[in-house]
Amino acid sequence: MTGHEDKAVAIHYTDDLPAPVVLASGRGRVAQAIVRIAQENGITLLSDPALADSLIPLEVNAFLPESLYEVIAEILVFVRNLKAGGR
């Protein structure tokens, strides 16, 4: 998930987790590296500056707060549908 080009947050979720987890976050060169690694691995990127601002203060390996569940669930469903349609 990216905000502006100067910040990026990577999240991960599987059914065995109680909530999505922050895998990586950063600004500047770290953000660029997160985006590059995601692109190299075929990870779907989403640009949402407001959401990135909500996620960037979270610690790596932290579960996302309940206040973000709805928006993240919508994104995860969207990405899952993209992948299913691309097969």
Protein backbone atom coordinates (compact mmCIF):
# COMPACT_ATOMS: atom_id res chain seq x y z
CA MET A 1 0.00 0.00 0.00
CA THR A 2 1.48 3.30 -0.94
CA GLY A 3 0.60 6.84 -0.08
CA HIS A 4 2.65 9.38 -1.87
CA GLU A 5 5.96 8.39 -3.36
CA ASP A 6 7.65 9.28 -0.07
CA LYS A 7 5.90 6.65 2.10
CA ALA A 8 4.81 3.04 1.81
CA VAL A 9 3.35 0.37 4.04
CA ALA A 10 3.23 -3.36 3.33
CA ILE A 11 0.54 -5.40 5.05
CA HIS A 12 -0.09 -9.12 5.16
CA TYR A 13 -3.13 -11.19 6.04
CA THR A 14 -3.97 -14.88 5.99
CA ASP A 15 -7.00 -16.65 7.42
CA ASP A 16 -4.95 -18.01 10.32
CA LEU A 17 -4.08 -14.51 11.57
CA PRO A 18 -6.42 -12.64 13.93
CA ALA A 19 -5.90 -9.42 11.94
CA PRO A 20 -3.75 -8.00 9.13
CA VAL A 21 -0.13 -7.33 10.11
CA VAL A 22 2.27 -4.55 9.15
CA LEU A 23 5.18 -6.21 7.31
CA ALA A 24 7.15 -3.08 6.50
CA SER A 25 6.74 0.67 6.48
CA GLY A 26 8.88 3.62 5.77
CA ARG A 27 9.52 6.88 4.03
CA GLY A 28 11.92 8.00 1.33
CA ARG A 29 14.37 5.32 0.24
CA VAL A 30 12.77 2.70 2.48
CA ALA A 31 9.40 3.42 0.84
CA GLN A 32 10.97 3.15 -2.59
CA ALA A 33 12.49 -0.21 -1.62
CA ILE A 34 9.13 -1.49 -0.34
CA VAL A 35 7.45 -0.52 -3.62
CA ARG A 36 10.27 -2.00 -5.72
CA ILE A 37 10.21 -5.32 -3.84
CA ALA A 38 6.41 -5.48 -4.15
CA GLN A 39 6.60 -4.83 -7.90
CA GLU A 40 9.33 -7.44 -8.36
CA ASN A 41 7.14 -10.00 -6.59
CA GLY A 42 3.86 -9.22 -8.33
CA ILE A 43 2.29 -7.73 -5.22
CA THR A 44 -0.73 -5.52 -5.86
CA LEU A 45 -0.06 -1.86 -5.02
CA LEU A 46 -2.69 0.61 -3.94
CA SER A 47 -2.19 4.34 -3.65
CA ASP A 48 -4.19 5.74 -0.73
CA PRO A 49 -2.41 8.64 1.01
CA ALA A 50 -4.94 8.89 3.85
CA LEU A 51 -4.72 5.17 4.62
CA ALA A 52 -0.92 5.26 4.41
CA ASP A 53 -0.96 8.11 6.95
CA SER A 54 -3.04 5.89 9.28
CA LEU A 55 -0.74 2.90 8.86
CA ILE A 56 2.74 4.43 8.86
CA PRO A 57 2.84 5.11 12.64
CA LEU A 58 2.22 1.41 13.38
CA GLU A 59 5.15 -0.79 14.37
CA VAL A 60 6.35 -3.57 12.07
CA ASN A 61 4.69 -6.88 13.07
CA ALA A 62 1.82 -4.99 14.75
CA PHE A 63 -1.73 -6.05 14.07
CA LEU A 64 -3.85 -3.36 12.46
CA PRO A 65 -6.32 -1.65 14.81
CA GLU A 66 -10.00 -2.57 14.60
CA SER A 67 -10.79 0.93 13.34
CA LEU A 68 -9.11 -0.01 10.03
CA TYR A 69 -10.66 -3.48 9.60
CA GLU A 70 -13.48 -2.38 7.32
CA VAL A 71 -11.34 -0.44 4.85
CA ILE A 72 -8.64 -3.13 4.81
CA ALA A 73 -11.26 -5.87 4.34
CA GLU A 74 -12.62 -4.00 1.32
CA ILE A 75 -9.11 -3.74 -0.13
CA LEU A 76 -8.37 -7.42 0.49
CA VAL A 77 -11.61 -8.46 -1.22
CA PHE A 78 -10.80 -6.17 -4.15
CA VAL A 79 -7.30 -7.66 -4.50
CA ARG A 80 -8.63 -11.23 -4.19
CA ASN A 81 -11.17 -10.51 -6.95
CA LEU A 82 -8.46 -9.00 -9.15
CA LYS A 83 -6.33 -12.11 -8.77
CA ALA A 84 -9.27 -14.45 -9.36
CA GLY A 85 -10.21 -12.61 -12.55
CA GLY A 86 -6.64 -12.66 -13.80
CA ARG A 87 -6.34 -16.46 -13.82
